[in-house]
């Protein structure tokens, strides 16, 4: 019997480089599926994914023996490479250098899932910048304004 019990849930948020509107609707779903595959290969489970043309949100479950920062690095690097190699790629695709990561209680996982699913509706009212600031403040994370848009 295993002696380690865990349910490590993370809400990940990262944008395209310079907040460019690079996630086109014609490849959004294949991109999300590919990112889920990378996450599985790295020992995680994608529970939800969604976003807008300039950013993405993931709800992911991770094992205790993986470094989350390395998993995120792989998801971003491999998905960028995949997008840039796709036929019809119009411009070089890149993710921003950093990311936001927030731990999620199992009791709030469904709420985060719904939030991720409703990104289009949410962003009719709230900009990505304001959304990110809200996430940072609600999670008690200090930030420097200079690094919110890069």
N, C-alpha and C. Protein backbone atom coordinates (compact mmCIF):
# COMPACT_ATOMS: atom_id res chain seq x y z
N UNK A 1 0.84 -1.18 0.00
CA UNK A 1 0.00 0.00 0.00
C UNK A 1 0.89 1.24 0.00
N UNK A 2 0.49 2.24 -0.77
CA UNK A 2 1.25 3.48 -0.84
C UNK A 2 1.17 4.23 0.49
N UNK A 3 2.24 4.92 0.81
CA UNK A 3 2.24 5.68 2.05
C UNK A 3 2.17 7.18 1.82
N UNK A 4 2.11 7.58 0.57
CA UNK A 4 1.98 9.00 0.25
C UNK A 4 0.60 9.23 -0.36
N UNK A 5 -0.14 10.10 0.26
CA UNK A 5 -1.48 10.44 -0.22
C UNK A 5 -1.46 11.92 -0.59
N UNK A 6 -1.91 12.22 -1.79
CA UNK A 6 -1.87 13.62 -2.21
C UNK A 6 -2.99 13.92 -3.19
N UNK A 7 -3.31 15.17 -3.28
CA UNK A 7 -4.23 15.69 -4.28
C UNK A 7 -3.77 17.11 -4.57
N UNK A 8 -2.67 17.22 -5.30
CA UNK A 8 -2.05 18.51 -5.59
C UNK A 8 -2.68 19.11 -6.84
N UNK A 9 -3.51 20.10 -6.65
CA UNK A 9 -4.20 20.76 -7.75
C UNK A 9 -3.64 22.16 -7.94
N UNK A 10 -3.42 22.53 -9.20
CA UNK A 10 -2.86 23.83 -9.52
C UNK A 10 -3.66 24.51 -10.61
N UNK A 11 -3.85 25.81 -10.45
CA UNK A 11 -4.43 26.67 -11.48
C UNK A 11 -3.26 27.42 -12.10
N UNK A 12 -2.97 27.12 -13.34
CA UNK A 12 -1.86 27.75 -14.06
C UNK A 12 -2.41 28.78 -15.04
N UNK A 13 -1.73 29.89 -15.15
CA UNK A 13 -2.13 30.95 -16.08
C UNK A 13 -0.87 31.48 -16.75
N UNK A 14 -0.87 31.52 -18.07
CA UNK A 14 0.22 32.19 -18.77
C UNK A 14 -0.28 32.71 -20.11
N UNK A 15 0.42 33.72 -20.59
CA UNK A 15 -0.03 34.39 -21.80
C UNK A 15 0.96 34.18 -22.94
N UNK A 16 0.53 34.61 -24.09
CA UNK A 16 1.41 34.63 -25.24
C UNK A 16 2.43 35.75 -25.04
N UNK A 17 3.54 35.66 -25.72
CA UNK A 17 4.56 36.70 -25.59
C UNK A 17 3.98 38.04 -26.02
N UNK A 18 4.20 39.05 -25.20
CA UNK A 18 3.71 40.41 -25.44
C UNK A 18 2.19 40.48 -25.59
N UNK A 19 1.51 39.49 -25.05
CA UNK A 19 0.04 39.43 -25.07
C UNK A 19 -0.53 39.48 -26.48
N UNK A 20 0.23 38.95 -27.43
CA UNK A 20 -0.25 38.93 -28.81
C UNK A 20 -1.44 37.98 -28.91
N UNK A 21 -2.36 38.30 -29.79
CA UNK A 21 -3.56 37.47 -30.00
C UNK A 21 -3.21 36.32 -30.94
N UNK A 22 -2.37 35.43 -30.47
CA UNK A 22 -1.78 34.39 -31.32
C UNK A 22 -2.48 33.04 -31.26
N UNK A 23 -3.37 32.83 -30.29
CA UNK A 23 -4.04 31.53 -30.19
C UNK A 23 -5.31 31.61 -31.04
N UNK A 24 -5.16 31.23 -32.28
CA UNK A 24 -6.26 31.32 -33.23
C UNK A 24 -7.31 30.25 -32.96
N UNK A 25 -8.55 30.58 -33.24
CA UNK A 25 -9.64 29.63 -32.98
C UNK A 25 -9.50 28.35 -33.80
N UNK A 26 -8.88 28.41 -34.97
CA UNK A 26 -8.76 27.21 -35.81
C UNK A 26 -7.79 26.18 -35.24
N UNK A 27 -6.91 26.57 -34.33
CA UNK A 27 -6.04 25.56 -33.72
C UNK A 27 -6.10 25.55 -32.20
N UNK A 28 -7.07 26.24 -31.64
CA UNK A 28 -7.18 26.30 -30.17
C UNK A 28 -7.41 24.91 -29.57
N UNK A 29 -8.40 24.19 -30.06
CA UNK A 29 -8.69 22.86 -29.49
C UNK A 29 -7.54 21.88 -29.68
N UNK A 30 -6.96 21.79 -30.88
CA UNK A 30 -5.80 20.89 -31.01
C UNK A 30 -4.64 21.29 -30.09
N UNK A 31 -4.44 22.59 -29.90
CA UNK A 31 -3.40 23.05 -28.97
C UNK A 31 -3.70 22.58 -27.56
N UNK A 32 -4.93 22.76 -27.12
CA UNK A 32 -5.31 22.34 -25.78
C UNK A 32 -5.12 20.84 -25.59
N UNK A 33 -5.50 20.06 -26.60
CA UNK A 33 -5.31 18.60 -26.52
C UNK A 33 -3.83 18.25 -26.44
N UNK A 34 -3.03 18.93 -27.23
CA UNK A 34 -1.59 18.68 -27.23
C UNK A 34 -0.98 19.02 -25.88
N UNK A 35 -1.39 20.15 -25.32
CA UNK A 35 -0.88 20.55 -24.00
C UNK A 35 -1.27 19.52 -22.94
N UNK A 36 -2.48 18.98 -23.04
CA UNK A 36 -2.90 17.92 -22.11
C UNK A 36 -2.02 16.68 -22.25
N UNK A 37 -1.64 16.35 -23.47
CA UNK A 37 -0.76 15.21 -23.71
C UNK A 37 0.63 15.43 -23.12
N UNK A 38 1.15 16.64 -23.26
CA UNK A 38 2.46 16.95 -22.68
C UNK A 38 2.37 16.82 -21.16
N UNK A 39 1.32 17.36 -20.59
CA UNK A 39 1.14 17.28 -19.14
C UNK A 39 1.09 15.83 -18.67
N UNK A 40 0.37 14.98 -19.38
CA UNK A 40 0.32 13.55 -19.02
C UNK A 40 1.70 12.91 -19.11
N UNK A 41 2.43 13.24 -20.17
CA UNK A 41 3.77 12.68 -20.34
C UNK A 41 4.72 13.12 -19.22
N UNK A 42 4.42 14.25 -18.62
CA UNK A 42 5.26 14.78 -17.54
C UNK A 42 4.75 14.34 -16.16
N UNK A 43 3.74 13.48 -16.13
CA UNK A 43 3.26 12.96 -14.85
C UNK A 43 2.10 13.73 -14.25
N UNK A 44 1.45 14.56 -15.04
CA UNK A 44 0.30 15.32 -14.54
C UNK A 44 -0.99 14.88 -15.20
N UNK A 45 -2.07 15.46 -14.75
CA UNK A 45 -3.38 15.20 -15.33
C UNK A 45 -4.04 16.55 -15.58
N UNK A 46 -4.44 16.79 -16.82
CA UNK A 46 -5.15 18.02 -17.14
C UNK A 46 -6.62 17.82 -16.79
N UNK A 47 -7.12 18.64 -15.89
CA UNK A 47 -8.52 18.56 -15.48
C UNK A 47 -9.39 19.53 -16.25
N UNK A 48 -8.82 20.67 -16.65
CA UNK A 48 -9.57 21.67 -17.43
C UNK A 48 -8.57 22.59 -18.11
N UNK A 49 -8.95 23.08 -19.28
CA UNK A 49 -8.13 24.05 -19.99
C UNK A 49 -9.06 24.98 -20.75
N UNK A 50 -8.68 26.23 -20.82
CA UNK A 50 -9.45 27.21 -21.56
C UNK A 50 -8.70 28.52 -21.59
N UNK A 51 -9.18 29.42 -22.39
CA UNK A 51 -8.51 30.71 -22.45
C UNK A 51 -9.05 31.59 -23.53
N UNK A 52 -8.19 32.48 -23.95
CA UNK A 52 -8.50 33.50 -24.93
C UNK A 52 -7.36 33.54 -25.94
N UNK A 53 -7.46 34.37 -26.97
CA UNK A 53 -6.38 34.42 -27.97
C UNK A 53 -5.02 34.84 -27.42
N UNK A 54 -4.99 35.44 -26.20
CA UNK A 54 -3.72 35.90 -25.66
C UNK A 54 -3.28 35.20 -24.37
N UNK A 55 -4.06 34.24 -23.88
CA UNK A 55 -3.64 33.54 -22.67
C UNK A 55 -4.41 32.24 -22.47
N UNK A 56 -3.90 31.44 -21.55
CA UNK A 56 -4.50 30.14 -21.28
C UNK A 56 -4.53 29.89 -19.77
N UNK A 57 -5.56 29.16 -19.34
CA UNK A 57 -5.70 28.71 -17.95
C UNK A 57 -5.73 27.19 -17.97
N UNK A 58 -5.04 26.57 -17.04
CA UNK A 58 -5.08 25.12 -16.88
C UNK A 58 -5.37 24.79 -15.43
N UNK A 59 -6.20 23.81 -15.21
CA UNK A 59 -6.37 23.20 -13.89
C UNK A 59 -5.74 21.83 -14.02
N UNK A 60 -4.70 21.60 -13.25
CA UNK A 60 -3.93 20.37 -13.40
C UNK A 60 -3.67 19.72 -12.06
N UNK A 61 -3.61 18.41 -12.09
CA UNK A 61 -3.25 17.62 -10.91
C UNK A 61 -1.83 17.10 -11.14
N UNK A 62 -0.99 17.21 -10.12
CA UNK A 62 0.40 16.77 -10.24
C UNK A 62 0.73 15.73 -9.18
N UNK A 63 1.67 14.89 -9.52
CA UNK A 63 2.17 13.92 -8.56
C UNK A 63 3.17 14.60 -7.64
N UNK A 64 3.45 13.97 -6.53
CA UNK A 64 4.35 14.56 -5.54
C UNK A 64 5.82 14.53 -5.98
N UNK A 65 6.16 13.68 -6.94
CA UNK A 65 7.56 13.54 -7.31
C UNK A 65 7.96 14.33 -8.55
N UNK A 66 7.13 15.28 -8.97
CA UNK A 66 7.48 16.10 -10.12
C UNK A 66 7.68 17.55 -9.67
N UNK A 67 8.60 18.22 -10.32
CA UNK A 67 8.81 19.65 -10.07
C UNK A 67 7.86 20.42 -10.98
N UNK A 68 6.92 21.09 -10.38
CA UNK A 68 5.89 21.78 -11.16
C UNK A 68 6.52 22.77 -12.14
N UNK A 69 7.56 23.48 -11.73
CA UNK A 69 8.20 24.45 -12.62
C UNK A 69 8.74 23.77 -13.88
N UNK A 70 9.28 22.57 -13.74
CA UNK A 70 9.79 21.86 -14.91
C UNK A 70 8.66 21.37 -15.80
N UNK A 71 7.57 20.96 -15.20
CA UNK A 71 6.41 20.54 -15.99
C UNK A 71 5.87 21.71 -16.80
N UNK A 72 5.73 22.87 -16.18
CA UNK A 72 5.23 24.05 -16.88
C UNK A 72 6.19 24.42 -18.01
N UNK A 73 7.49 24.37 -17.73
CA UNK A 73 8.49 24.67 -18.76
C UNK A 73 8.33 23.76 -19.97
N UNK A 74 8.11 22.46 -19.72
CA UNK A 74 7.94 21.51 -20.82
C UNK A 74 6.65 21.77 -21.58
N UNK A 75 5.57 22.04 -20.87
CA UNK A 75 4.29 22.31 -21.55
C UNK A 75 4.43 23.52 -22.46
N UNK A 76 5.05 24.57 -21.97
CA UNK A 76 5.19 25.79 -22.77
C UNK A 76 6.15 25.57 -23.95
N UNK A 77 7.30 24.95 -23.69
CA UNK A 77 8.30 24.76 -24.75
C UNK A 77 7.79 23.83 -25.85
N UNK A 78 7.24 22.70 -25.45
CA UNK A 78 6.80 21.73 -26.44
C UNK A 78 5.57 22.19 -27.21
N UNK A 79 4.67 22.90 -26.55
CA UNK A 79 3.49 23.39 -27.27
C UNK A 79 3.88 24.51 -28.23
N UNK A 80 4.84 25.37 -27.87
CA UNK A 80 5.33 26.40 -28.79
C UNK A 80 5.96 25.76 -30.02
N UNK A 81 6.79 24.77 -29.79
CA UNK A 81 7.46 24.08 -30.90
C UNK A 81 6.42 23.45 -31.82
N UNK A 82 5.45 22.78 -31.23
CA UNK A 82 4.39 22.12 -32.00
C UNK A 82 3.63 23.13 -32.85
N UNK A 83 3.26 24.27 -32.26
CA UNK A 83 2.53 25.29 -33.00
C UNK A 83 3.36 25.86 -34.14
N UNK A 84 4.63 26.09 -33.88
CA UNK A 84 5.48 26.67 -34.91
C UNK A 84 5.75 25.71 -36.07
N UNK A 85 5.58 24.42 -35.83
CA UNK A 85 5.80 23.43 -36.88
C UNK A 85 4.53 23.07 -37.64
N UNK A 86 3.40 23.59 -37.20
CA UNK A 86 2.12 23.29 -37.86
C UNK A 86 2.04 23.96 -39.23
N UNK A 87 1.49 23.24 -40.21
CA UNK A 87 1.26 23.88 -41.50
C UNK A 87 0.30 25.06 -41.32
N UNK A 88 0.59 26.14 -41.99
CA UNK A 88 -0.26 27.31 -41.90
C UNK A 88 0.09 28.27 -40.78
N UNK A 89 1.16 27.98 -40.06
CA UNK A 89 1.59 28.91 -39.00
C UNK A 89 1.95 30.23 -39.66
N UNK A 90 1.30 31.31 -39.21
CA UNK A 90 1.48 32.61 -39.85
C UNK A 90 2.64 33.40 -39.27
N UNK A 91 2.92 33.20 -38.00
CA UNK A 91 3.97 33.94 -37.33
C UNK A 91 4.60 33.05 -36.26
N UNK A 92 5.74 33.43 -35.80
CA UNK A 92 6.39 32.64 -34.74
C UNK A 92 5.58 32.76 -33.46
N UNK A 93 5.26 31.61 -32.88
CA UNK A 93 4.47 31.59 -31.65
C UNK A 93 5.40 31.43 -30.46
N UNK A 94 5.15 32.22 -29.41
CA UNK A 94 5.89 32.09 -28.16
C UNK A 94 4.97 32.39 -26.99
N UNK A 95 5.23 31.71 -25.89
CA UNK A 95 4.57 32.03 -24.63
C UNK A 95 5.39 33.07 -23.90
N UNK A 96 4.79 33.78 -22.94
CA UNK A 96 5.53 34.70 -22.09
C UNK A 96 6.56 33.92 -21.29
N UNK A 97 7.55 34.60 -20.75
CA UNK A 97 8.60 33.93 -20.00
C UNK A 97 8.09 33.34 -18.69
N UNK A 98 7.22 34.02 -18.00
CA UNK A 98 6.76 33.57 -16.70
C UNK A 98 5.38 32.94 -16.74
N UNK A 99 4.81 32.78 -15.57
CA UNK A 99 3.47 32.22 -15.44
C UNK A 99 2.96 32.48 -14.04
N UNK A 100 1.67 32.31 -13.87
CA UNK A 100 1.07 32.36 -12.55
C UNK A 100 0.65 30.95 -12.17
N UNK A 101 0.88 30.59 -10.93
CA UNK A 101 0.45 29.28 -10.46
C UNK A 101 -0.15 29.44 -9.06
N UNK A 102 -1.30 28.83 -8.89
CA UNK A 102 -2.05 28.98 -7.66
C UNK A 102 -2.51 27.61 -7.20
N UNK A 103 -2.31 27.29 -5.94
CA UNK A 103 -2.78 26.02 -5.42
C UNK A 103 -4.30 26.09 -5.27
N UNK A 104 -4.95 24.97 -5.49
CA UNK A 104 -6.41 24.91 -5.46
C UNK A 104 -6.84 23.81 -4.50
N UNK A 105 -7.72 24.16 -3.61
CA UNK A 105 -8.30 23.18 -2.70
C UNK A 105 -9.25 22.28 -3.48
N UNK A 106 -9.29 21.01 -3.15
CA UNK A 106 -10.22 20.09 -3.82
C UNK A 106 -11.66 20.58 -3.71
N UNK A 107 -11.98 21.24 -2.61
CA UNK A 107 -13.34 21.74 -2.43
C UNK A 107 -13.68 22.88 -3.38
N UNK A 108 -12.67 23.51 -3.98
CA UNK A 108 -12.90 24.61 -4.92
C UNK A 108 -12.60 24.24 -6.37
N UNK A 109 -12.22 23.00 -6.62
CA UNK A 109 -11.82 22.59 -7.96
C UNK A 109 -12.95 22.79 -8.98
N UNK A 110 -14.18 22.47 -8.63
CA UNK A 110 -15.28 22.65 -9.57
C UNK A 110 -15.51 24.12 -9.89
N UNK A 111 -15.32 24.99 -8.91
CA UNK A 111 -15.47 26.43 -9.13
C UNK A 111 -14.39 26.93 -10.10
N UNK A 112 -13.16 26.47 -9.92
CA UNK A 112 -12.06 26.86 -10.82
C UNK A 112 -12.31 26.31 -12.21
N UNK A 113 -12.80 25.10 -12.29
CA UNK A 113 -13.11 24.48 -13.58
C UNK A 113 -14.15 25.32 -14.33
N UNK A 114 -15.21 25.72 -13.64
CA UNK A 114 -16.26 26.55 -14.25
C UNK A 114 -15.69 27.89 -14.68
N UNK A 115 -14.84 28.47 -13.85
CA UNK A 115 -14.19 29.75 -14.17
C UNK A 115 -13.38 29.62 -15.47
N UNK A 116 -12.64 28.54 -15.61
CA UNK A 116 -11.82 28.33 -16.80
C UNK A 116 -12.72 28.12 -18.02
N UNK A 117 -13.80 27.40 -17.86
CA UNK A 117 -14.72 27.14 -18.97
C UNK A 117 -15.42 28.41 -19.45
N UNK A 118 -15.55 29.40 -18.58
CA UNK A 118 -16.30 30.61 -18.93
C UNK A 118 -15.40 31.80 -19.26
N UNK A 119 -14.21 31.54 -19.75
CA UNK A 119 -13.26 32.62 -20.03
C UNK A 119 -13.79 33.64 -21.03
N UNK A 120 -14.43 33.19 -22.09
CA UNK A 120 -14.92 34.15 -23.09
C UNK A 120 -15.94 35.10 -22.49
N UNK A 121 -16.85 34.57 -21.73
CA UNK A 121 -17.85 35.41 -21.07
C UNK A 121 -17.18 36.34 -20.05
N UNK A 122 -16.26 35.80 -19.28
CA UNK A 122 -15.55 36.56 -18.26
C UNK A 122 -14.81 37.76 -18.87
N UNK A 123 -14.17 37.54 -20.01
CA UNK A 123 -13.35 38.60 -20.60
C UNK A 123 -14.16 39.61 -21.41
N UNK A 124 -15.44 39.45 -21.45
CA UNK A 124 -16.28 40.52 -21.99
C UNK A 124 -16.34 41.67 -21.01
N UNK A 125 -16.08 41.36 -19.73
CA UNK A 125 -16.17 42.35 -18.65
C UNK A 125 -14.82 42.72 -18.05
N UNK A 126 -13.86 41.81 -18.08
CA UNK A 126 -12.60 41.99 -17.35
C UNK A 126 -11.43 41.75 -18.29
N UNK A 127 -10.45 42.65 -18.28
CA UNK A 127 -9.25 42.46 -19.10
C UNK A 127 -8.37 41.38 -18.48
N UNK A 128 -7.47 40.84 -19.28
CA UNK A 128 -6.55 39.83 -18.76
C UNK A 128 -5.67 40.43 -17.66
N UNK A 129 -5.23 41.66 -17.86
CA UNK A 129 -4.39 42.32 -16.86
C UNK A 129 -5.13 42.40 -15.52
N UNK A 130 -6.37 42.84 -15.55
CA UNK A 130 -7.15 42.95 -14.32
C UNK A 130 -7.43 41.58 -13.71
N UNK A 131 -7.65 40.60 -14.56
CA UNK A 131 -7.86 39.23 -14.08
C UNK A 131 -6.61 38.74 -13.35
N UNK A 132 -5.46 38.95 -13.95
CA UNK A 132 -4.20 38.50 -13.34
C UNK A 132 -3.95 39.20 -12.01
N UNK A 133 -4.17 40.51 -11.97
CA UNK A 133 -3.99 41.25 -10.73
C UNK A 133 -4.93 40.70 -9.65
N UNK A 134 -6.17 40.42 -10.02
CA UNK A 134 -7.13 39.88 -9.06
C UNK A 134 -6.66 38.52 -8.53
N UNK A 135 -6.17 37.65 -9.40
CA UNK A 135 -5.67 36.34 -8.97
C UNK A 135 -4.48 36.51 -8.02
N UNK A 136 -3.58 37.41 -8.36
CA UNK A 136 -2.41 37.63 -7.51
C UNK A 136 -2.82 38.17 -6.14
N UNK A 137 -3.70 39.15 -6.14
CA UNK A 137 -4.12 39.74 -4.87
C UNK A 137 -4.92 38.77 -4.01
N UNK A 138 -5.82 38.01 -4.63
CA UNK A 138 -6.61 37.03 -3.86
C UNK A 138 -5.74 35.95 -3.26
N UNK A 139 -4.59 35.70 -3.88
CA UNK A 139 -3.68 34.67 -3.37
C UNK A 139 -2.53 35.24 -2.56
N UNK A 140 -2.58 36.55 -2.27
CA UNK A 140 -1.56 37.17 -1.43
C UNK A 140 -0.19 37.19 -2.05
N UNK A 141 -0.11 37.33 -3.37
CA UNK A 141 1.18 37.31 -4.06
C UNK A 141 1.57 38.74 -4.45
N UNK A 142 2.69 39.21 -3.91
CA UNK A 142 3.15 40.56 -4.30
C UNK A 142 3.60 40.55 -5.76
N UNK A 143 3.46 41.69 -6.42
CA UNK A 143 3.86 41.78 -7.82
C UNK A 143 4.36 43.17 -8.13
N UNK A 144 5.11 43.25 -9.20
CA UNK A 144 5.63 44.53 -9.71
C UNK A 144 4.88 44.80 -11.02
N UNK A 145 4.25 45.94 -11.11
CA UNK A 145 3.47 46.31 -12.31
C UNK A 145 4.25 46.15 -13.60
N UNK A 146 5.57 46.37 -13.55
CA UNK A 146 6.38 46.30 -14.77
C UNK A 146 6.35 44.91 -15.41
N UNK A 147 6.05 43.88 -14.61
CA UNK A 147 6.13 42.52 -15.13
C UNK A 147 4.76 41.91 -15.45
N UNK A 148 3.74 42.71 -15.41
CA UNK A 148 2.40 42.18 -15.69
C UNK A 148 2.11 42.08 -17.19
N UNK A 149 2.77 42.84 -17.99
CA UNK A 149 2.44 42.89 -19.41
C UNK A 149 3.48 42.27 -20.31
N UNK A 150 4.50 41.62 -19.76
CA UNK A 150 5.58 41.11 -20.61
C UNK A 150 5.60 39.67 -20.86
